[in-house]
Protein backbone atom coordinates (compact mmCIF):
# COMPACT_ATOMS: atom_id res chain seq x y z
CA UNK A 1 -24.66 -23.17 -32.81
CA UNK A 2 -25.03 -19.48 -32.09
CA UNK A 3 -23.19 -18.47 -28.90
CA UNK A 4 -25.94 -16.11 -27.74
CA UNK A 5 -28.69 -18.67 -28.31
CA UNK A 6 -26.69 -21.31 -26.44
CA UNK A 7 -26.15 -18.88 -23.57
CA UNK A 8 -29.84 -18.00 -23.44
CA UNK A 9 -30.79 -21.69 -23.39
CA UNK A 10 -28.41 -22.41 -20.51
CA UNK A 11 -29.73 -19.46 -18.52
CA UNK A 12 -33.36 -20.43 -19.19
CA UNK A 13 -32.71 -24.04 -18.12
CA UNK A 14 -30.94 -22.92 -14.93
CA UNK A 15 -33.87 -20.61 -14.15
CA UNK A 16 -36.40 -23.39 -14.75
CA UNK A 17 -34.38 -25.73 -12.53
CA UNK A 18 -34.48 -23.12 -9.73
CA UNK A 19 -30.73 -22.57 -9.61
CA UNK A 20 -31.13 -18.82 -9.13
CA UNK A 21 -33.50 -18.98 -6.17
CA UNK A 22 -30.90 -19.31 -3.41
CA UNK A 23 -28.59 -16.56 -4.62
CA UNK A 24 -27.82 -13.64 -2.29
CA UNK A 25 -30.17 -10.75 -2.98
CA UNK A 26 -32.77 -12.94 -4.71
CA UNK A 27 -36.01 -11.01 -5.08
CA UNK A 28 -34.44 -7.70 -4.10
CA UNK A 29 -33.98 -4.78 -6.50
CA UNK A 30 -30.57 -4.40 -8.08
CA UNK A 31 -28.35 -1.66 -6.72
CA UNK A 32 -27.16 -0.05 -9.92
CA UNK A 33 -23.92 1.87 -9.83
CA UNK A 34 -23.62 5.24 -11.55
CA UNK A 35 -20.92 4.82 -14.17
CA UNK A 36 -21.60 8.05 -16.03
CA UNK A 37 -18.11 9.29 -15.14
CA UNK A 38 -16.54 6.30 -16.94
CA UNK A 39 -16.41 6.35 -20.76
CA UNK A 40 -18.77 3.71 -22.23
CA UNK A 41 -15.95 1.74 -23.86
CA UNK A 42 -14.14 1.49 -20.50
CA UNK A 43 -17.07 0.46 -18.28
CA UNK A 44 -16.63 -3.30 -18.54
CA UNK A 45 -12.91 -3.06 -17.75
CA UNK A 46 -13.68 -0.65 -14.89
CA UNK A 47 -16.24 -3.03 -13.37
CA UNK A 48 -13.89 -6.00 -13.68
CA UNK A 49 -11.08 -4.09 -12.03
CA UNK A 50 -13.36 -2.80 -9.30
CA UNK A 51 -14.81 -6.24 -8.58
CA UNK A 52 -11.31 -7.68 -8.29
CA UNK A 53 -10.27 -4.96 -5.84
CA UNK A 54 -7.92 -3.22 -8.27
CA UNK A 55 -9.74 0.11 -8.15
CA UNK A 56 -9.32 0.38 -4.40
CA UNK A 57 -5.61 -0.30 -4.77
CA UNK A 58 -5.28 2.26 -7.55
CA UNK A 59 -7.20 4.83 -5.55
CA UNK A 60 -4.95 4.26 -2.54
CA UNK A 61 -1.83 4.59 -4.69
CA UNK A 62 -3.16 7.82 -6.18
CA UNK A 63 -3.96 9.23 -2.71
CA UNK A 64 -0.50 8.23 -1.52
CA UNK A 65 1.16 10.08 -4.40
CA UNK A 66 -0.95 13.14 -3.61
CA UNK A 67 0.01 12.97 0.07
CA UNK A 68 3.69 12.62 -0.85
CA UNK A 69 3.42 15.80 -2.92
CA UNK A 70 1.71 17.58 -0.02
CA UNK A 71 4.46 16.46 2.37
CA UNK A 72 7.12 17.88 0.05
CA UNK A 73 5.33 21.23 0.13
CA UNK A 74 4.46 21.21 3.86
CA UNK A 75 5.07 24.56 5.55
CA UNK A 76 5.60 23.36 9.10
CA UNK A 77 6.50 20.25 11.08
CA UNK A 78 2.97 19.78 12.47
CA UNK A 79 1.44 19.70 8.99
CA UNK A 80 4.15 17.37 7.74
CA UNK A 81 3.60 15.04 10.69
CA UNK A 82 -0.17 14.97 10.11
CA UNK A 83 0.26 14.24 6.40
CA UNK A 84 2.90 11.57 7.09
CA UNK A 85 0.51 9.88 9.51
CA UNK A 86 -2.20 9.82 6.81
CA UNK A 87 0.31 8.48 4.28
CA UNK A 88 1.30 5.69 6.68
CA UNK A 89 -2.37 4.77 7.17
CA UNK A 90 -2.86 4.55 3.41
CA UNK A 91 0.29 2.44 3.05
CA UNK A 92 -0.91 0.11 5.81
CA UNK A 93 -4.30 -0.29 4.10
CA UNK A 94 -2.64 -0.99 0.75
CA UNK A 95 -0.42 -3.65 2.34
CA UNK A 96 -3.51 -5.24 3.90
CA UNK A 97 -5.23 -5.42 0.50
CA UNK A 98 -2.17 -6.94 -1.13
CA UNK A 99 -1.81 -9.56 1.61
CA UNK A 100 -5.51 -10.40 1.38
CA UNK A 101 -5.21 -10.95 -2.36
CA UNK A 102 -2.18 -13.20 -1.89
CA UNK A 103 -4.11 -15.34 0.58
CA UNK A 104 -7.14 -15.52 -1.72
CA UNK A 105 -4.99 -16.48 -4.70
CA UNK A 106 -3.36 -19.29 -2.72
CA UNK A 107 -6.61 -20.72 -1.39
CA UNK A 108 -7.84 -24.16 -2.38
CA UNK A 109 -11.07 -22.62 -3.68
CA UNK A 110 -9.13 -20.35 -6.04
CA UNK A 111 -6.94 -23.19 -7.25
CA UNK A 112 -10.00 -25.38 -7.85
CA UNK A 113 -11.62 -22.54 -9.79
CA UNK A 114 -8.42 -21.97 -11.76
CA UNK A 115 -8.26 -25.67 -12.65
CA UNK A 116 -11.87 -25.61 -13.85
CA UNK A 117 -11.14 -22.61 -16.06
CA UNK A 118 -8.02 -24.25 -17.44
CA UNK A 119 -10.00 -27.41 -18.28
CA UNK A 120 -12.60 -25.42 -20.21
CA UNK A 121 -9.99 -23.76 -22.38
CA UNK A 122 -8.15 -26.98 -23.26
């Protein structure tokens, strides 16, 4: 059976059974994100990384590298202190994100979901 036809049938049946009616945002317009800055062949990967929180981590890491470069070139102690404070804030936020992901990955919900995925691919 054709994968796309099977998918369409499952979606149609779920719609007819009313499974989409209680979803968050039901009946509201979609908030589309402007991805024009991302090459078309990279958009799916970008969205997956963003939805998993990876983009925020990468952005924080990039900002931290930039701040480290600025600190190296700081002209006075006051500027260096201000930049170091910002760097510490970014590091703290990154650590929070990493800890949050660890907790989510260890949750019973995640493990149940992982088991369901594993069963489908067996």
